[in-house]
Amino acid sequence: MADDKEQQGEQGYQLQSQHFYKIITSYMPESFEQDAVQIALIAVDKYRQLKDIAFYIKHEYDKKYPGSGKATEGVYHCIVGKSFASAVSHETRQFIHMKVDTYHVILWKSKDTPFTPGGE
């Protein structure tokens, strides 16, 4: 269950209802985990459609931890749903799988692979 600090959420947003979460797997530093949980709680509170929840989480995390814009640095991705399978490659210490209420949330950072010059 989210505590009072987490119920208040990011930037003073007051959650409209009580939400439960559980971190299933994480390869992130604790501060990154806490930010991911905060953002996910707000997303589930604000939005009903899964694509909107995923979009919010991904973009808020990108704002919180912006990259340099280089393709070699990588970008964040987010999947939200009740039933799905996944296999993703991620940067070291940049992956979290959590459950918020009835939704599974996977957030990770991976590098974009540039096209090989002259490739097919």
PDB file of N, CA and C in Angstrom:
ATOM      1  N   MET A   1       0.847  -1.175   0.000  1.00  0.00           N
ATOM      2  CA  MET A   1       0.000   0.000   0.000  1.00  0.00           C
ATOM      3  C   MET A   1       0.893   1.239   0.000  1.00  0.00           C
ATOM      4  N   ALA A   2       0.496   2.244  -0.700  1.00  0.00           N
ATOM      5  CA  ALA A   2       1.262   3.479  -0.775  1.00  0.00           C
ATOM      6  C   ALA A   2       1.101   4.262   0.527  1.00  0.00           C
ATOM      7  N   ASP A   3       2.216   4.819   1.016  1.00  0.00           N
ATOM      8  CA  ASP A   3       2.117   5.599   2.249  1.00  0.00           C
ATOM      9  C   ASP A   3       1.670   7.029   1.932  1.00  0.00           C
ATOM     10  N   ASP A   4       1.548   7.874   2.986  1.00  0.00           N
ATOM     11  CA  ASP A   4       1.021   9.229   2.800  1.00  0.00           C
ATOM     12  C   ASP A   4       1.854  10.052   1.834  1.00  0.00           C
ATOM     13  N   LYS A   5       3.188   9.951   1.937  1.00  0.00           N
ATOM     14  CA  LYS A   5       4.053  10.701   1.034  1.00  0.00           C
ATOM     15  C   LYS A   5       3.790  10.281  -0.410  1.00  0.00           C
ATOM     16  N   GLU A   6       3.665   8.970  -0.632  1.00  0.00           N
ATOM     17  CA  GLU A   6       3.422   8.474  -1.981  1.00  0.00           C
ATOM     18  C   GLU A   6       2.007   8.787  -2.433  1.00  0.00           C
ATOM     19  N   GLN A   7       1.058   8.859  -1.505  1.00  0.00           N
ATOM     20  CA  GLN A   7      -0.312   9.209  -1.877  1.00  0.00           C
ATOM     21  C   GLN A   7      -0.391  10.650  -2.361  1.00  0.00           C
ATOM     22  N   GLN A   8       0.500  11.524  -1.839  1.00  0.00           N
ATOM     23  CA  GLN A   8       0.492  12.903  -2.309  1.00  0.00           C
ATOM     24  C   GLN A   8       1.031  12.973  -3.722  1.00  0.00           C
ATOM     25  N   GLY A   9       2.023  12.150  -4.030  1.00  0.00           N
ATOM     26  CA  GLY A   9       2.520  12.072  -5.395  1.00  0.00           C
ATOM     27  C   GLY A   9       3.494  13.175  -5.752  1.00  0.00           C
ATOM     28  N   GLU A  10       3.817  13.183  -7.027  1.00  0.00           N
ATOM     29  CA  GLU A  10       4.800  14.076  -7.606  1.00  0.00           C
ATOM     30  C   GLU A  10       4.266  15.506  -7.687  1.00  0.00           C
ATOM     31  N   GLN A  11       5.102  16.461  -7.346  1.00  0.00           N
ATOM     32  CA  GLN A  11       4.798  17.881  -7.469  1.00  0.00           C
ATOM     33  C   GLN A  11       3.477  18.253  -6.806  1.00  0.00           C
ATOM     34  N   GLY A  12       3.168  17.643  -5.671  1.00  0.00           N
ATOM     35  CA  GLY A  12       1.986  18.011  -4.921  1.00  0.00           C
ATOM     36  C   GLY A  12       0.673  17.457  -5.439  1.00  0.00           C
ATOM     37  N   TYR A  13       0.693  16.599  -6.437  1.00  0.00           N
ATOM     38  CA  TYR A  13      -0.550  16.012  -6.948  1.00  0.00           C
ATOM     39  C   TYR A  13      -1.168  15.151  -5.860  1.00  0.00           C
ATOM     40  N   GLN A  14      -2.414  15.391  -5.539  1.00  0.00           N
ATOM     41  CA  GLN A  14      -3.127  14.603  -4.525  1.00  0.00           C
ATOM     42  C   GLN A  14      -3.875  13.468  -5.210  1.00  0.00           C
ATOM     43  N   LEU A  15      -3.505  12.237  -4.893  1.00  0.00           N
ATOM     44  CA  LEU A  15      -4.183  11.086  -5.485  1.00  0.00           C
ATOM     45  C   LEU A  15      -5.644  11.074  -5.060  1.00  0.00           C
ATOM     46  N   GLN A  16      -6.523  10.735  -5.987  1.00  0.00           N
ATOM     47  CA  GLN A  16      -7.960  10.751  -5.746  1.00  0.00           C
ATOM     48  C   GLN A  16      -8.453   9.494  -5.015  1.00  0.00           C
ATOM     49  N   SER A  17      -7.670   8.421  -5.086  1.00  0.00           N
ATOM     50  CA  SER A  17      -8.056   7.196  -4.383  1.00  0.00           C
ATOM     51  C   SER A  17      -6.812   6.446  -3.927  1.00  0.00           C
ATOM     52  N   GLN A  18      -7.028   5.478  -3.064  1.00  0.00           N
ATOM     53  CA  GLN A  18      -5.950   4.662  -2.516  1.00  0.00           C
ATOM     54  C   GLN A  18      -5.488   3.661  -3.571  1.00  0.00           C
ATOM     55  N   HIS A  19      -4.186   3.526  -3.765  1.00  0.00           N
ATOM     56  CA  HIS A  19      -3.640   2.579  -4.727  1.00  0.00           C
ATOM     57  C   HIS A  19      -2.629   1.676  -4.031  1.00  0.00           C
ATOM     58  N   PHE A  20      -2.556   0.451  -4.500  1.00  0.00           N
ATOM     59  CA  PHE A  20      -1.609  -0.514  -3.971  1.00  0.00           C
ATOM     60  C   PHE A  20      -0.552  -0.773  -5.021  1.00  0.00           C
ATOM     61  N   TYR A  21       0.679  -0.984  -4.574  1.00  0.00           N
ATOM     62  CA  TYR A  21       1.730  -1.318  -5.523  1.00  0.00           C
ATOM     63  C   TYR A  21       2.677  -2.332  -4.904  1.00  0.00           C
ATOM     64  N   LYS A  22       3.358  -3.022  -5.789  1.00  0.00           N
ATOM     65  CA  LYS A  22       4.369  -3.991  -5.369  1.00  0.00           C
ATOM     66  C   LYS A  22       5.452  -3.994  -6.436  1.00  0.00           C
ATOM     67  N   ILE A  23       6.695  -3.850  -6.025  1.00  0.00           N
ATOM     68  CA  ILE A  23       7.804  -3.956  -6.965  1.00  0.00           C
ATOM     69  C   ILE A  23       8.107  -5.444  -7.125  1.00  0.00           C
ATOM     70  N   ILE A  24       7.987  -5.920  -8.351  1.00  0.00           N
ATOM     71  CA  ILE A  24       8.200  -7.344  -8.629  1.00  0.00           C
ATOM     72  C   ILE A  24       9.673  -7.610  -8.915  1.00  0.00           C
ATOM     73  N   THR A  25      10.261  -6.837  -9.820  1.00  0.00           N
ATOM     74  CA  THR A  25      11.684  -6.948 -10.147  1.00  0.00           C
ATOM     75  C   THR A  25      12.215  -5.556 -10.403  1.00  0.00           C
ATOM     76  N   SER A  26      13.395  -5.276  -9.880  1.00  0.00           N
ATOM     77  CA  SER A  26      13.985  -3.974 -10.147  1.00  0.00           C
ATOM     78  C   SER A  26      15.499  -4.098 -10.218  1.00  0.00           C
ATOM     79  N   TYR A  27      16.054  -3.449 -11.213  1.00  0.00           N
ATOM     80  CA  TYR A  27      17.504  -3.308 -11.338  1.00  0.00           C
ATOM     81  C   TYR A  27      17.833  -1.819 -11.364  1.00  0.00           C
ATOM     82  N   MET A  28      17.105  -1.031 -10.572  1.00  0.00           N
ATOM     83  CA  MET A  28      17.312   0.413 -10.506  1.00  0.00           C
ATOM     84  C   MET A  28      17.794   0.799  -9.120  1.00  0.00           C
ATOM     85  N   PRO A  29      18.513   1.918  -9.037  1.00  0.00           N
ATOM     86  CA  PRO A  29      18.820   2.450  -7.700  1.00  0.00           C
ATOM     87  C   PRO A  29      17.507   2.804  -6.996  1.00  0.00           C
ATOM     88  N   GLU A  30      17.521   2.786  -5.685  1.00  0.00           N
ATOM     89  CA  GLU A  30      16.303   3.011  -4.911  1.00  0.00           C
ATOM     90  C   GLU A  30      15.617   4.340  -5.240  1.00  0.00           C
ATOM     91  N   SER A  31      16.393   5.389  -5.444  1.00  0.00           N
ATOM     92  CA  SER A  31      15.782   6.692  -5.756  1.00  0.00           C
ATOM     93  C   SER A  31      15.051   6.647  -7.101  1.00  0.00           C
ATOM     94  N   PHE A  32      15.587   5.920  -8.068  1.00  0.00           N
ATOM     95  CA  PHE A  32      14.922   5.765  -9.367  1.00  0.00           C
ATOM     96  C   PHE A  32      13.638   4.949  -9.193  1.00  0.00           C
ATOM     97  N   GLU A  33      13.691   3.906  -8.365  1.00  0.00           N
ATOM     98  CA  GLU A  33      12.502   3.089  -8.071  1.00  0.00           C
ATOM     99  C   GLU A  33      11.402   3.956  -7.486  1.00  0.00           C
ATOM    100  N   GLN A  34      11.751   4.764  -6.485  1.00  0.00           N
ATOM    101  CA  GLN A  34      10.760   5.615  -5.830  1.00  0.00           C
ATOM    102  C   GLN A  34      10.110   6.570  -6.822  1.00  0.00           C
ATOM    103  N   ASP A  35      10.909   7.134  -7.723  1.00  0.00           N
ATOM    104  CA  ASP A  35      10.356   8.021  -8.745  1.00  0.00           C
ATOM    105  C   ASP A  35       9.435   7.258  -9.689  1.00  0.00           C
ATOM    106  N   ALA A  36       9.819   6.060 -10.070  1.00  0.00           N
ATOM    107  CA  ALA A  36       8.986   5.245 -10.965  1.00  0.00           C
ATOM    108  C   ALA A  36       7.652   4.907 -10.302  1.00  0.00           C
ATOM    109  N   VAL A  37       7.684   4.565  -9.022  1.00  0.00           N
ATOM    110  CA  VAL A  37       6.458   4.256  -8.289  1.00  0.00           C
ATOM    111  C   VAL A  37       5.570   5.493  -8.204  1.00  0.00           C
ATOM    112  N   GLN A  38       6.152   6.634  -7.837  1.00  0.00           N
ATOM    113  CA  GLN A  38       5.384   7.884  -7.737  1.00  0.00           C
ATOM    114  C   GLN A  38       4.683   8.206  -9.053  1.00  0.00           C
ATOM    115  N   ILE A  39       5.422   8.137 -10.134  1.00  0.00           N
ATOM    116  CA  ILE A  39       4.878   8.472 -11.451  1.00  0.00           C
ATOM    117  C   ILE A  39       3.800   7.476 -11.853  1.00  0.00           C
ATOM    118  N   ALA A  40       4.025   6.189 -11.582  1.00  0.00           N
ATOM    119  CA  ALA A  40       3.036   5.165 -11.933  1.00  0.00           C
ATOM    120  C   ALA A  40       1.745   5.343 -11.122  1.00  0.00           C
ATOM    121  N   LEU A  41       1.860   5.679  -9.842  1.00  0.00           N
ATOM    122  CA  LEU A  41       0.670   5.902  -9.022  1.00  0.00           C
ATOM    123  C   LEU A  41      -0.162   7.060  -9.566  1.00  0.00           C
ATOM    124  N   ILE A  42       0.504   8.130  -9.942  1.00  0.00           N
ATOM    125  CA  ILE A  42      -0.214   9.277 -10.505  1.00  0.00           C
ATOM    126  C   ILE A  42      -0.872   8.894 -11.824  1.00  0.00           C
ATOM    127  N   ALA A  43      -0.145   8.169 -12.674  1.00  0.00           N
ATOM    128  CA  ALA A  43      -0.687   7.771 -13.977  1.00  0.00           C
ATOM    129  C   ALA A  43      -1.946   6.932 -13.832  1.00  0.00           C
ATOM    130  N   VAL A  44      -1.914   5.954 -12.926  1.00  0.00           N
ATOM    131  CA  VAL A  44      -3.078   5.084 -12.716  1.00  0.00           C
ATOM    132  C   VAL A  44      -4.235   5.875 -12.114  1.00  0.00           C
ATOM    133  N   ASP A  45      -3.917   6.861 -11.300  1.00  0.00           N
ATOM    134  CA  ASP A  45      -4.945   7.694 -10.690  1.00  0.00           C
ATOM    135  C   ASP A  45      -5.600   8.626 -11.712  1.00  0.00           C
ATOM    136  N   LYS A  46      -4.805   9.167 -12.630  1.00  0.00           N
ATOM    137  CA  LYS A  46      -5.297  10.162 -13.594  1.00  0.00           C
ATOM    138  C   LYS A  46      -5.993   9.559 -14.814  1.00  0.00           C
ATOM    139  N   TYR A  47      -5.512   8.416 -15.281  1.00  0.00           N
ATOM    140  CA  TYR A  47      -5.959   7.897 -16.575  1.00  0.00           C
ATOM    141  C   TYR A  47      -6.607   6.523 -16.455  1.00  0.00           C
ATOM    142  N   ARG A  48      -7.479   6.208 -17.394  1.00  0.00           N
ATOM    143  CA  ARG A  48      -8.165   4.914 -17.420  1.00  0.00           C
ATOM    144  C   ARG A  48      -7.678   4.020 -18.561  1.00  0.00           C
ATOM    145  N   GLN A  49      -7.293   4.632 -19.677  1.00  0.00           N
ATOM    146  CA  GLN A  49      -6.831   3.839 -20.812  1.00  0.00           C
ATOM    147  C   GLN A  49      -5.361   3.476 -20.631  1.00  0.00           C
ATOM    148  N   LEU A  50      -5.040   2.215 -20.925  1.00  0.00           N
ATOM    149  CA  LEU A  50      -3.679   1.722 -20.706  1.00  0.00           C
ATOM    150  C   LEU A  50      -2.645   2.500 -21.504  1.00  0.00           C
ATOM    151  N   LYS A  51      -2.982   2.866 -22.739  1.00  0.00           N
ATOM    152  CA  LYS A  51      -2.022   3.615 -23.566  1.00  0.00           C
ATOM    153  C   LYS A  51      -1.727   4.977 -22.948  1.00  0.00           C
ATOM    154  N   ASP A  52      -2.711   5.591 -22.311  1.00  0.00           N
ATOM    155  CA  ASP A  52      -2.502   6.887 -21.661  1.00  0.00           C
ATOM    156  C   ASP A  52      -1.637   6.744 -20.406  1.00  0.00           C
ATOM    157  N   ILE A  53      -1.848   5.675 -19.669  1.00  0.00           N
ATOM    158  CA  ILE A  53      -1.032   5.409 -18.475  1.00  0.00           C
ATOM    159  C   ILE A  53       0.428   5.214 -18.883  1.00  0.00           C
ATOM    160  N   ALA A  54       0.653   4.361 -19.891  1.00  0.00           N
ATOM    161  CA  ALA A  54       2.018   4.093 -20.352  1.00  0.00           C
ATOM    162  C   ALA A  54       2.677   5.360 -20.895  1.00  0.00           C
ATOM    163  N   PHE A  55       1.931   6.133 -21.678  1.00  0.00           N
ATOM    164  CA  PHE A  55       2.451   7.370 -22.260  1.00  0.00           C
ATOM    165  C   PHE A  55       2.872   8.337 -21.154  1.00  0.00           C
ATOM    166  N   TYR A  56       2.024   8.504 -20.145  1.00  0.00           N
ATOM    167  CA  TYR A  56       2.320   9.419 -19.042  1.00  0.00           C
ATOM    168  C   TYR A  56       3.590   8.981 -18.300  1.00  0.00           C
ATOM    169  N   ILE A  57       3.674   7.700 -17.969  1.00  0.00           N
ATOM    170  CA  ILE A  57       4.835   7.192 -17.227  1.00  0.00           C
ATOM    171  C   ILE A  57       6.113   7.416 -18.022  1.00  0.00           C
ATOM    172  N   LYS A  58       6.107   7.037 -19.289  1.00  0.00           N
ATOM    173  CA  LYS A  58       7.290   7.173 -20.132  1.00  0.00           C
ATOM    174  C   LYS A  58       7.722   8.632 -20.235  1.00  0.00           C
ATOM    175  N   HIS A  59       6.793   9.528 -20.518  1.00  0.00           N
ATOM    176  CA  HIS A  59       7.155  10.928 -20.714  1.00  0.00           C
ATOM    177  C   HIS A  59       7.541  11.635 -19.419  1.00  0.00           C
ATOM    178  N   GLU A  60       6.901  11.304 -18.315  1.00  0.00           N
ATOM    179  CA  GLU A  60       7.290  11.905 -17.034  1.00  0.00           C
ATOM    180  C   GLU A  60       8.676  11.424 -16.613  1.00  0.00           C
ATOM    181  N   TYR A  61       8.975  10.148 -16.875  1.00  0.00           N
ATOM    182  CA  TYR A  61      10.292   9.622 -16.526  1.00  0.00           C
ATOM    183  C   TYR A  61      11.360  10.236 -17.426  1.00  0.00           C
ATOM    184  N   ASP A  62      11.033  10.428 -18.709  1.00  0.00           N
ATOM    185  CA  ASP A  62      11.957  11.116 -19.623  1.00  0.00           C
ATOM    186  C   ASP A  62      12.243  12.535 -19.136  1.00  0.00           C
ATOM    187  N   LYS A  63      11.217  13.232 -18.626  1.00  0.00           N
ATOM    188  CA  LYS A  63      11.418  14.592 -18.105  1.00  0.00           C
ATOM    189  C   LYS A  63      12.278  14.574 -16.848  1.00  0.00           C
ATOM    190  N   LYS A  64      12.039  13.584 -15.997  1.00  0.00           N
ATOM    191  CA  LYS A  64      12.774  13.489 -14.733  1.00  0.00           C
ATOM    192  C   LYS A  64      14.242  13.132 -14.964  1.00  0.00           C
ATOM    193  N   TYR A  65      14.494  12.249 -15.935  1.00  0.00           N
ATOM    194  CA  TYR A  65      15.845  11.783 -16.243  1.00  0.00           C
ATOM    195  C   TYR A  65      16.123  11.956 -17.732  1.00  0.00           C
ATOM    196  N   PRO A  66      16.286  13.199 -18.171  1.00  0.00           N
ATOM    197  CA  PRO A  66      16.485  13.435 -19.606  1.00  0.00           C
ATOM    198  C   PRO A  66      17.858  12.955 -20.069  1.00  0.00           C
ATOM    199  N   GLY A  67      17.898  12.522 -21.307  1.00  0.00           N
ATOM    200  CA  GLY A  67      19.158  12.120 -21.904  1.00  0.00           C
ATOM    201  C   GLY A  67      19.766  13.282 -22.664  1.00  0.00           C
ATOM    202  N   SER A  68      20.870  13.023 -23.284  1.00  0.00           N
ATOM    203  CA  SER A  68      21.556  14.062 -24.058  1.00  0.00           C
ATOM    204  C   SER A  68      20.977  14.191 -25.453  1.00  0.00           C
ATOM    205  N   GLY A  69      20.110  13.260 -25.830  1.00  0.00           N
ATOM    206  CA  GLY A  69      19.541  13.288 -27.169  1.00  0.00           C
ATOM    207  C   GLY A  69      20.295  12.416 -28.159  1.00  0.00           C
ATOM    208  N   LYS A  70      21.429  11.876 -27.747  1.00  0.00           N
ATOM    209  CA  LYS A  70      22.210  11.002 -28.623  1.00  0.00           C
ATOM    210  C   LYS A  70      21.559   9.626 -28.659  1.00  0.00           C
ATOM    211  N   ALA A  71      21.507   9.037 -29.842  1.00  0.00           N
ATOM    212  CA  ALA A  71      20.904   7.715 -30.005  1.00  0.00           C
ATOM    213  C   ALA A  71      21.670   6.655 -29.220  1.00  0.00           C
ATOM    214  N   THR A  72      22.953   6.888 -28.990  1.00  0.00           N
ATOM    215  CA  THR A  72      23.758   5.905 -28.267  1.00  0.00           C
ATOM    216  C   THR A  72      23.486   5.919 -26.777  1.00  0.00           C
ATOM    217  N   GLU A  73      22.790   6.959 -26.280  1.00  0.00           N
ATOM    218  CA  GLU A  73      22.514   7.032 -24.849  1.00  0.00           C
ATOM    219  C   GLU A  73      21.299   6.207 -24.446  1.00  0.00           C
ATOM    220  N   GLY A  74      20.295   6.145 -25.282  1.00  0.00           N
ATOM    221  CA  GLY A  74      19.123   5.352 -24.985  1.00  0.00           C
ATOM    222  C   GLY A  74      17.928   6.182 -24.565  1.00  0.00           C
ATOM    223  N   VAL A  75      16.771   5.541 -24.574  1.00  0.00           N
ATOM    224  CA  VAL A  75      15.513   6.187 -24.221  1.00  0.00           C
ATOM    225  C   VAL A  75      14.710   5.239 -23.329  1.00  0.00           C
ATOM    226  N   TYR A  76      13.722   5.800 -22.622  1.00  0.00           N
ATOM    227  CA  TYR A  76      12.857   4.994 -21.769  1.00  0.00           C
ATOM    228  C   TYR A  76      11.673   4.470 -22.564  1.00  0.00           C
ATOM    229  N   HIS A  77      11.197   3.308 -22.167  1.00  0.00           N
ATOM    230  CA  HIS A  77      10.029   2.665 -22.760  1.00  0.00           C
ATOM    231  C   HIS A  77       9.145   2.201 -21.617  1.00  0.00           C
ATOM    232  N   CYS A  78       7.837   2.091 -21.879  1.00  0.00           N
ATOM    233  CA  CYS A  78       6.910   1.653 -20.840  1.00  0.00           C
ATOM    234  C   CYS A  78       5.821   0.783 -21.445  1.00  0.00           C
ATOM    235  N   ILE A  79       5.522  -0.309 -20.757  1.00  0.00           N
ATOM    236  CA  ILE A  79       4.421  -1.197 -21.120  1.00  0.00           C
ATOM    237  C   ILE A  79       3.511  -1.296 -19.901  1.00  0.00           C
ATOM    238  N   VAL A  80       2.194  -1.198 -20.125  1.00  0.00           N
ATOM    239  CA  VAL A  80       1.214  -1.319 -19.049  1.00  0.00           C
ATOM    240  C   VAL A  80       0.123  -2.274 -19.516  1.00  0.00           C
ATOM    241  N   GLY A  81      -0.263  -3.210 -18.663  1.00  0.00           N
ATOM    242  CA  GLY A  81      -1.345  -4.111 -19.017  1.00  0.00           C
ATOM    243  C   GLY A  81      -1.648  -5.074 -17.894  1.00  0.00           C
ATOM    244  N   LYS A  82      -2.673  -5.881 -18.126  1.00  0.00           N
ATOM    245  CA  LYS A  82      -3.061  -6.885 -17.134  1.00  0.00           C
ATOM    246  C   LYS A  82      -2.512  -8.263 -17.475  1.00  0.00           C
ATOM    247  N   SER A  83      -2.290  -8.499 -18.764  1.00  0.00           N
ATOM    248  CA  SER A  83      -1.809  -9.810 -19.179  1.00  0.00           C
ATOM    249  C   SER A  83      -0.982  -9.652 -20.446  1.00  0.00           C
ATOM    250  N   PHE A  84       0.299  -9.889 -20.338  1.00  0.00           N
ATOM    251  CA  PHE A  84       1.182  -9.821 -21.493  1.00  0.00           C
ATOM    252  C   PHE A  84       2.481 -10.533 -21.154  1.00  0.00           C
ATOM    253  N   ALA A  85       3.236 -10.842 -22.172  1.00  0.00           N
ATOM    254  CA  ALA A  85       4.562 -11.422 -21.992  1.00  0.00           C
ATOM    255  C   ALA A  85       5.556 -10.417 -22.559  1.00  0.00           C
ATOM    256  N   SER A  86       6.760 -10.443 -22.051  1.00  0.00           N
ATOM    257  CA  SER A  86       7.762  -9.525 -22.571  1.00  0.00           C
ATOM    258  C   SER A  86       9.152 -10.125 -22.446  1.00  0.00           C
ATOM    259  N   ALA A  87      10.021  -9.662 -23.301  1.00  0.00           N
ATOM    260  CA  ALA A  87      11.446  -9.963 -23.228  1.00  0.00           C
ATOM    261  C   ALA A  87      12.123  -8.711 -23.749  1.00  0.00           C
ATOM    262  N   VAL A  88      12.798  -7.980 -22.883  1.00  0.00           N
ATOM    263  CA  VAL A  88      13.402  -6.717 -23.283  1.00  0.00           C
ATOM    264  C   VAL A  88      14.875  -6.692 -22.901  1.00  0.00           C
ATOM    265  N   SER A  89      15.630  -5.953 -23.678  1.00  0.00           N
ATOM    266  CA  SER A  89      17.024  -5.677 -23.337  1.00  0.00           C
ATOM    267  C   SER A  89      17.048  -4.282 -22.737  1.00  0.00           C
ATOM    268  N   HIS A  90      17.809  -4.113 -21.676  1.00  0.00           N
ATOM    269  CA  HIS A  90      17.835  -2.817 -21.005  1.00  0.00           C
ATOM    270  C   HIS A  90      19.241  -2.439 -20.591  1.00  0.00           C
ATOM    271  N   GLU A  91      19.414  -1.155 -20.369  1.00  0.00           N
ATOM    272  CA  GLU A  91      20.682  -0.653 -19.865  1.00  0.00           C
ATOM    273  C   GLU A  91      20.889  -1.172 -18.442  1.00  0.00           C
ATOM    274  N   THR A  92      22.126  -1.240 -18.025  1.00  0.00           N
ATOM    275  CA  THR A  92      22.456  -1.674 -16.676  1.00  0.00           C
ATOM    276  C   THR A  92      21.759  -0.776 -15.665  1.00  0.00           C
ATOM    277  N   ARG A  93      21.083  -1.401 -14.705  1.00  0.00           N
ATOM    278  CA  ARG A  93      20.378  -0.691 -13.622  1.00  0.00           C
ATOM    279  C   ARG A  93      19.302   0.262 -14.136  1.00  0.00           C
ATOM    280  N   GLN A  94      18.619  -0.128 -15.200  1.00  0.00           N
ATOM    281  CA  GLN A  94      17.579   0.719 -15.774  1.00  0.00           C
ATOM    282  C   GLN A  94      16.347  -0.104 -16.146  1.00  0.00           C
ATOM    283  N   PHE A  95      15.831  -0.900 -15.213  1.00  0.00           N
ATOM    284  CA  PHE A  95      14.656  -1.736 -15.458  1.00  0.00           C
ATOM    285  C   PHE A  95      13.859  -1.874 -14.171  1.00  0.00           C
ATOM    286  N   ILE A  96      12.536  -1.759 -14.288  1.00  0.00           N
ATOM    287  CA  ILE A  96      11.661  -2.038 -13.152  1.00  0.00           C
ATOM    288  C   ILE A  96      10.368  -2.657 -13.663  1.00  0.00           C
ATOM    289  N   HIS A  97       9.914  -3.681 -12.953  1.00  0.00           N
ATOM    290  CA  HIS A  97       8.611  -4.312 -13.202  1.00  0.00           C
ATOM    291  C   HIS A  97       7.854  -4.216 -11.885  1.00  0.00           C
ATOM    292  N   MET A  98       6.722  -3.533 -11.926  1.00  0.00           N
ATOM    293  CA  MET A  98       5.923  -3.367 -10.712  1.00  0.00           C
ATOM    294  C   MET A  98       4.461  -3.639 -11.019  1.00  0.00           C
ATOM    295  N   LYS A  99       3.686  -3.824  -9.995  1.00  0.00           N
ATOM    296  CA  LYS A  99       2.248  -3.965 -10.136  1.00  0.00           C
ATOM    297  C   LYS A  99       1.601  -2.813  -9.378  1.00  0.00           C
ATOM    298  N   VAL A 100       0.723  -2.077 -10.072  1.00  0.00           N
ATOM    299  CA  VAL A 100      -0.025  -0.987  -9.454  1.00  0.00           C
ATOM    300  C   VAL A 100      -1.493  -1.339  -9.603  1.00  0.00           C
ATOM    301  N   ASP A 101      -2.158  -1.556  -8.475  1.00  0.00           N
ATOM    302  CA  ASP A 101      -3.532  -2.060  -8.466  1.00  0.00           C
ATOM    303  C   ASP A 101      -3.573  -3.356  -9.286  1.00  0.00           C
ATOM    304  N   THR A 102      -4.313  -3.393 -10.378  1.00  0.00           N
ATOM    305  CA  THR A 102      -4.404  -4.626 -11.175  1.00  0.00           C
ATOM    306  C   THR A 102      -3.521  -4.595 -12.420  1.00  0.00           C
ATOM    307  N   TYR A 103      -2.744  -3.525 -12.582  1.00  0.00           N
ATOM    308  CA  TYR A 103      -1.914  -3.366 -13.785  1.00  0.00           C
ATOM    309  C   TYR A 103      -0.459  -3.712 -13.516  1.00  0.00           C
ATOM    310  N   HIS A 104       0.142  -4.388 -14.463  1.00  0.00           N
ATOM    311  CA  HIS A 104       1.586  -4.593 -14.451  1.00  0.00           C
ATOM    312  C   HIS A 104       2.203  -3.455 -15.245  1.00  0.00           C
ATOM    313  N   VAL A 105       3.308  -2.920 -14.738  1.00  0.00           N
ATOM    314  CA  VAL A 105       4.012  -1.819 -15.389  1.00  0.00           C
ATOM    315  C   VAL A 105       5.472  -2.217 -15.538  1.00  0.00           C
ATOM    316  N   ILE A 106       5.964  -2.131 -16.760  1.00  0.00           N
ATOM    317  CA  ILE A 106       7.390  -2.351 -17.010  1.00  0.00           C
ATOM    318  C   ILE A 106       7.948  -1.058 -17.582  1.00  0.00           C
ATOM    319  N   LEU A 107       9.007  -0.551 -16.956  1.00  0.00           N
ATOM    320  CA  LEU A 107       9.676   0.668 -17.400  1.00  0.00           C
ATOM    321  C   LEU A 107      11.154   0.336 -17.534  1.00  0.00           C
ATOM    322  N   TRP A 108      11.743   0.651 -18.705  1.00  0.00           N
ATOM    323  CA  TRP A 108      13.151   0.360 -18.908  1.00  0.00           C
ATOM    324  C   TRP A 108      13.759   1.345 -19.890  1.00  0.00           C
ATOM    325  N   LYS A 109      15.074   1.391 -19.845  1.00  0.00           N
ATOM    326  CA  LYS A 109      15.816   2.242 -20.768  1.00  0.00           C
ATOM    327  C   LYS A 109      16.658   1.343 -21.655  1.00  0.00           C
ATOM    328  N   SER A 110      16.602   1.614 -22.955  1.00  0.00           N
ATOM    329  CA  SER A 110      17.449   0.866 -23.883  1.00  0.00           C
ATOM    330  C   SER A 110      17.990   1.804 -24.936  1.00  0.00           C
ATOM    331  N   LYS A 111      19.120   1.422 -25.470  1.00  0.00           N
ATOM    332  CA  LYS A 111      19.742   2.223 -26.516  1.00  0.00           C
ATOM    333  C   LYS A 111      19.041   1.974 -27.832  1.00  0.00           C
ATOM    334  N   ASP A 112      18.922   3.033 -28.596  1.00  0.00           N
ATOM    335  CA  ASP A 112      18.473   2.872 -29.973  1.00  0.00           C
ATOM    336  C   ASP A 112      19.667   2.360 -30.759  1.00  0.00           C
ATOM    337  N   THR A 113      19.421   1.420 -31.642  1.00  0.00           N
ATOM    338  CA  THR A 113      20.492   0.923 -32.476  1.00  0.00           C
ATOM    339  C   THR A 113      20.464   1.695 -33.785  1.00  0.00           C
ATOM    340  N   PRO A 114      21.489   2.480 -34.056  1.00  0.00           N
ATOM    341  CA  PRO A 114      21.490   3.219 -35.305  1.00  0.00           C
ATOM    342  C   PRO A 114      21.602   2.274 -36.488  1.00  0.00           C
ATOM    343  N   PHE A 115      21.043   2.681 -37.597  1.00  0.00           N
ATOM    344  CA  PHE A 115      21.167   1.881 -38.806  1.00  0.00           C
ATOM    345  C   PHE A 115      22.623   1.814 -39.215  1.00  0.00           C
ATOM    346  N   THR A 116      23.030   0.669 -39.698  1.00  0.00           N
ATOM    347  CA  THR A 116      24.381   0.506 -40.186  1.00  0.00           C
ATOM    348  C   THR A 116      24.519   1.243 -41.509  1.00  0.00           C
ATOM    349  N   PRO A 117      25.499   2.137 -41.637  1.00  0.00           N
ATOM    350  CA  PRO A 117      25.654   2.847 -42.915  1.00  0.00           C
ATOM    351  C   PRO A 117      25.843   1.850 -44.054  1.00  0.00           C
ATOM    352  N   GLY A 118      25.081   2.040 -45.094  1.00  0.00           N
ATOM    353  CA  GLY A 118      25.167   1.144 -46.248  1.00  0.00           C
ATOM    354  C   GLY A 118      24.513  -0.199 -46.012  1.00  0.00           C
ATOM    355  N   GLY A 119      23.793  -0.306 -44.861  1.00  0.00           N
ATOM    356  CA  GLY A 119      23.156  -1.581 -44.518  1.00  0.00           C
ATOM    357  C   GLY A 119      21.946  -1.846 -45.375  1.00  0.00           C
ATOM    358  N   GLU A 120      21.419  -3.028 -45.219  1.00  0.00           N
ATOM    359  CA  GLU A 120      20.280  -3.444 -46.031  1.00  0.00           C
ATOM    360  C   GLU A 120      18.976  -3.217 -45.324  1.00  0.00           C
TER     361      GLU A 120
END
